[in-house]
Protein backbone atom coordinates (compact mmCIF):
# COMPACT_ATOMS: atom_id res chain seq x y z
CA UNK A 1 0.00 0.00 0.00
CA UNK A 2 1.15 3.52 -0.78
CA UNK A 3 -0.59 4.86 2.35
CA UNK A 4 1.99 5.73 4.99
CA UNK A 5 0.98 4.45 8.41
CA UNK A 6 1.91 6.11 11.69
CA UNK A 7 1.37 4.85 15.23
CA UNK A 8 0.23 7.65 17.52
CA UNK A 9 2.13 7.50 20.82
CA UNK A 10 2.50 9.37 24.06
CA UNK A 11 5.98 9.92 25.50
CA UNK A 12 5.47 6.98 27.88
CA UNK A 13 4.47 4.65 25.06
CA UNK A 14 7.42 5.72 22.94
CA UNK A 15 9.83 4.97 25.80
CA UNK A 16 8.60 1.37 25.78
CA UNK A 17 8.52 1.10 21.97
CA UNK A 18 11.18 -1.31 20.71
CA UNK A 19 11.49 -0.02 17.11
CA UNK A 20 13.09 3.31 18.00
CA UNK A 21 13.99 4.09 14.37
CA UNK A 22 10.45 3.60 13.04
CA UNK A 23 8.58 6.86 12.34
CA UNK A 24 5.66 7.48 14.69
CA UNK A 25 3.04 10.19 15.28
CA UNK A 26 4.01 12.09 18.44
CA UNK A 27 0.65 12.84 20.04
CA UNK A 28 -0.48 15.20 22.79
CA UNK A 29 1.56 18.30 22.03
CA UNK A 30 -0.71 21.00 23.41
CA UNK A 31 -0.98 24.66 24.35
CA UNK A 32 0.83 25.32 27.59
CA UNK A 33 -1.46 26.20 30.53
CA UNK A 34 1.40 28.19 32.06
CA UNK A 35 2.67 30.32 29.17
CA UNK A 36 2.16 31.29 25.54
CA UNK A 37 4.01 28.40 23.86
CA UNK A 38 3.54 24.61 23.49
CA UNK A 39 4.04 21.85 26.03
CA UNK A 40 4.88 18.13 25.82
CA UNK A 41 7.26 18.49 22.89
CA UNK A 42 9.58 15.55 22.06
CA UNK A 43 13.26 15.57 22.92
CA UNK A 44 13.99 12.61 20.64
CA UNK A 45 11.99 11.35 17.68
CA UNK A 46 12.61 8.95 14.77
CA UNK A 47 13.33 10.65 11.46
CA UNK A 48 10.20 11.06 9.36
CA UNK A 49 7.76 11.14 12.25
CA UNK A 50 4.61 13.27 12.46
CA UNK A 51 4.00 15.93 15.11
CA UNK A 52 0.40 16.09 16.37
CA UNK A 53 -0.83 19.27 18.04
CA UNK A 54 -4.21 19.19 19.79
CA UNK A 55 -6.33 21.84 21.52
CA UNK A 56 -7.49 19.90 24.58
CA UNK A 57 -6.04 22.82 26.51
CA UNK A 58 -7.88 25.77 24.91
CA UNK A 59 -5.78 28.39 23.18
CA UNK A 60 -5.88 31.64 25.12
CA UNK A 61 -3.46 34.39 24.19
CA UNK A 62 -0.75 32.02 23.01
CA UNK A 63 1.93 33.45 20.70
CA UNK A 64 1.40 32.20 17.10
CA UNK A 65 4.93 33.07 16.02
CA UNK A 66 6.49 31.32 19.02
CA UNK A 67 4.43 28.23 18.17
CA UNK A 68 5.63 28.42 14.56
CA UNK A 69 9.25 28.57 15.76
CA UNK A 70 8.80 25.58 18.07
CA UNK A 71 7.19 23.38 15.42
CA UNK A 72 9.57 24.47 12.65
CA UNK A 73 12.62 23.72 14.80
CA UNK A 74 11.31 20.28 15.71
CA UNK A 75 10.42 19.57 12.09
CA UNK A 76 13.95 20.43 10.98
CA UNK A 77 15.65 18.67 13.89
CA UNK A 78 13.88 15.36 13.35
CA UNK A 79 13.30 15.63 9.56
CA UNK A 80 9.61 15.36 10.31
CA UNK A 81 7.25 14.29 7.53
CA UNK A 82 4.67 16.81 8.65
CA UNK A 83 2.50 18.42 11.32
CA UNK A 84 -1.06 17.37 12.11
CA UNK A 85 -3.33 20.02 13.66
CA UNK A 86 -5.91 17.89 15.44
CA UNK A 87 -8.07 20.81 16.60
CA UNK A 88 -11.64 20.15 17.78
CA UNK A 89 -12.99 23.62 18.67
CA UNK A 90 -14.46 24.96 15.40
CA UNK A 91 -16.28 27.81 17.15
CA UNK A 92 -13.06 29.24 18.64
CA UNK A 93 -11.87 32.15 16.41
CA UNK A 94 -8.38 32.23 17.93
CA UNK A 95 -7.84 28.59 17.00
CA UNK A 96 -9.03 29.18 13.44
CA UNK A 97 -6.66 32.14 13.12
CA UNK A 98 -3.75 30.02 14.35
CA UNK A 99 -4.54 27.34 11.77
CA UNK A 100 -4.21 29.84 8.93
CA UNK A 101 -1.03 31.30 10.42
CA UNK A 102 0.62 27.88 10.76
CA UNK A 103 -0.32 26.91 7.20
CA UNK A 104 1.35 30.07 5.92
CA UNK A 105 4.50 29.75 8.00
CA UNK A 106 5.37 26.11 8.60
CA UNK A 107 7.96 24.68 6.16
CA UNK A 108 6.57 21.12 6.20
CA UNK A 109 3.29 19.48 5.05
CA UNK A 110 0.55 20.42 7.52
CA UNK A 111 -2.78 18.62 7.77
CA UNK A 112 -5.78 20.24 9.42
CA UNK A 113 -8.80 18.73 11.14
CA UNK A 114 -11.92 18.58 8.96
CA UNK A 115 -13.53 21.22 11.18
CA UNK A 116 -11.22 23.85 9.63
CA UNK A 117 -10.05 22.43 6.31
CA UNK A 118 -13.03 23.00 4.01
CA UNK A 119 -11.94 26.41 2.68
CA UNK A 120 -8.21 25.85 3.07
CA UNK A 121 -5.62 24.56 0.59
CA UNK A 122 -4.04 21.84 2.72
CA UNK A 123 -4.30 18.14 3.57
CA UNK A 124 -7.43 17.32 5.57
CA UNK A 125 -7.40 15.07 8.64
CA UNK A 126 -10.59 12.99 8.94
CA UNK A 127 -12.00 10.92 11.81
CA UNK A 128 -12.21 7.14 11.33
CA UNK A 129 -14.62 5.85 8.70
CA UNK A 130 -17.90 5.10 10.55
CA UNK A 131 -18.44 1.39 10.67
CA UNK A 132 -21.92 1.67 9.16
CA UNK A 133 -20.75 3.78 6.18
CA UNK A 134 -18.94 2.60 3.01
CA UNK A 135 -15.50 4.19 2.74
CA UNK A 136 -16.27 5.58 -0.73
CA UNK A 137 -19.39 7.38 0.56
CA UNK A 138 -17.51 8.76 3.55
CA UNK A 139 -14.65 10.19 1.51
CA UNK A 140 -16.70 11.58 -1.40
CA UNK A 141 -17.13 15.10 0.11
CA UNK A 142 -13.32 15.42 0.16
CA UNK A 143 -12.67 14.13 -3.35
CA UNK A 144 -9.49 15.57 -4.83
CA UNK A 145 -8.01 16.52 -1.47
CA UNK A 146 -4.93 15.01 0.15
CA UNK A 147 -6.56 13.01 2.97
CA UNK A 148 -4.92 11.94 6.23
CA UNK A 149 -7.20 9.38 7.89
CA UNK A 150 -7.59 8.47 11.54
CA UNK A 151 -8.17 4.72 11.89
CA UNK A 152 -9.86 2.76 14.65
CA UNK A 153 -11.25 -0.66 15.47
CA UNK A 154 -14.24 0.72 17.41
CA UNK A 155 -17.58 -0.87 16.59
CA UNK A 156 -21.24 -0.11 17.15
CA UNK A 157 -24.46 -1.87 18.06
CA UNK A 158 -27.62 -1.12 16.07
CA UNK A 159 -30.81 -2.01 17.96
CA UNK A 160 -34.02 -2.27 15.91
CA UNK A 161 -37.27 -2.03 17.83
CA UNK A 162 -40.83 -0.98 17.10
CA UNK A 163 -39.89 2.59 18.00
CA UNK A 164 -37.00 2.75 15.53
CA UNK A 165 -33.23 2.23 15.45
CA UNK A 166 -30.75 3.26 18.12
CA UNK A 167 -26.97 3.16 17.85
CA UNK A 168 -24.46 2.56 20.65
CA UNK A 169 -20.68 2.61 20.16
CA UNK A 170 -18.44 0.00 21.76
CA UNK A 171 -14.74 -0.81 21.71
CA UNK A 172 -14.58 -4.39 23.00
CA UNK A 173 -13.15 -7.09 20.75
CA UNK A 174 -15.61 -9.52 19.15
CA UNK A 175 -14.83 -12.81 17.42
CA UNK A 176 -16.50 -14.27 14.36
CA UNK A 177 -19.66 -13.04 12.72
CA UNK A 178 -20.78 -12.51 9.14
CA UNK A 179 -18.60 -10.54 6.73
CA UNK A 180 -19.95 -7.40 5.07
CA UNK A 181 -17.68 -6.50 2.17
CA UNK A 182 -19.47 -3.21 1.42
CA UNK A 183 -18.78 -1.87 4.93
CA UNK A 184 -15.45 -3.65 5.45
CA UNK A 185 -16.68 -5.11 8.72
CA UNK A 186 -18.18 -8.17 10.40
CA UNK A 187 -21.52 -8.29 12.20
CA UNK A 188 -23.37 -10.48 14.66
CA UNK A 189 -27.14 -10.63 15.14
CA UNK A 190 -29.05 -11.12 18.37
CA UNK A 191 -32.82 -11.59 18.16
CA UNK A 192 -35.03 -10.98 21.20
CA UNK A 193 -38.83 -10.85 21.50
CA UNK A 194 -38.71 -7.05 21.25
CA UNK A 195 -35.62 -6.23 19.17
CA UNK A 196 -32.97 -7.24 16.70
CA UNK A 197 -29.45 -6.13 17.61
CA UNK A 198 -26.69 -5.94 15.01
CA UNK A 199 -23.17 -5.68 16.44
CA UNK A 200 -20.74 -4.38 13.83
CA UNK A 201 -16.99 -4.69 14.36
CA UNK A 202 -13.83 -4.56 12.27
CA UNK A 203 -11.16 -7.23 12.26
CA UNK A 204 -7.56 -6.65 11.23
CA UNK A 205 -8.35 -7.97 7.75
CA UNK A 206 -11.40 -5.67 7.52
CA UNK A 207 -9.31 -2.61 8.32
CA UNK A 208 -6.60 -3.67 5.89
CA UNK A 209 -9.23 -3.99 3.16
CA UNK A 210 -10.69 -0.59 4.08
CA UNK A 211 -7.29 1.06 3.66
CA UNK A 212 -6.78 -0.65 0.30
CA UNK A 213 -10.08 0.83 -0.88
CA UNK A 214 -9.18 4.22 0.58
CA UNK A 215 -5.82 4.45 -1.20
CA UNK A 216 -7.17 5.33 -4.69
CA UNK A 217 -9.43 7.91 -3.03
CA UNK A 218 -6.47 10.18 -2.18
CA UNK A 219 -5.80 8.86 1.32
CA UNK A 220 -2.04 9.20 1.77
CA UNK A 221 -1.59 8.90 5.56
CA UNK A 222 -3.18 6.66 8.20
CA UNK A 223 -2.80 7.44 11.89
CA UNK A 224 -3.77 4.90 14.56
CA UNK A 225 -3.17 4.09 18.19
CA UNK A 226 -0.09 2.03 19.02
CA UNK A 227 -1.97 -0.26 21.44
CA UNK A 228 -4.59 -1.29 18.87
CA UNK A 229 -3.24 -0.94 15.38
CA UNK A 230 0.46 -1.68 15.34
CA UNK A 231 0.13 -4.84 13.25
CA UNK A 232 -2.38 -3.32 10.86
CA UNK A 233 -1.27 0.05 9.54
CA UNK A 234 2.46 -0.57 9.28
């Protein structure tokens, strides 16, 4: 596959990671709660790794140019393959302004969360493909864009009753079931006197197939959690 896979790791996970020369996605860089710069930056990183910046700590008067300098220095130091702005506060004007500033100033490829990327000329970072949605349908609104895709093995339960359908996510591992090639998943059915419950989950082979179908749709990067996806996306 031409899709480049990255395992997203915290500093603690990276310390226990045996393949120290394998590029990773350094997660959890965030806005410092004590100053105007960034916190939790790496001191060592494999060449070609991604830097992920999130906004779990809300931006509040942080210095855009200082943030540019920090990310640019790290990118050069570790020959980073790019920066991923995993921002989740679309109603925060200061965050939106920082996104545009970083896109203008950073010297490396920079992907932006789908909340901000619609009107911008940059790679777009998308959440995992919903398990009840074909990958082609999910990616169609972003046709022609360079897509960086979050990947996950999370499933969902669909309960059908007389009052309608309800959906509940779950993350536990299921075994077996019927294959659904259109959704790249497996499902199990439980029938009760009052409902029919469909439990949809993805196996390693399902996720591999999903990424193969995503590749010709301009997905170039896949980012997943080290604990779950190490044998799948690399």
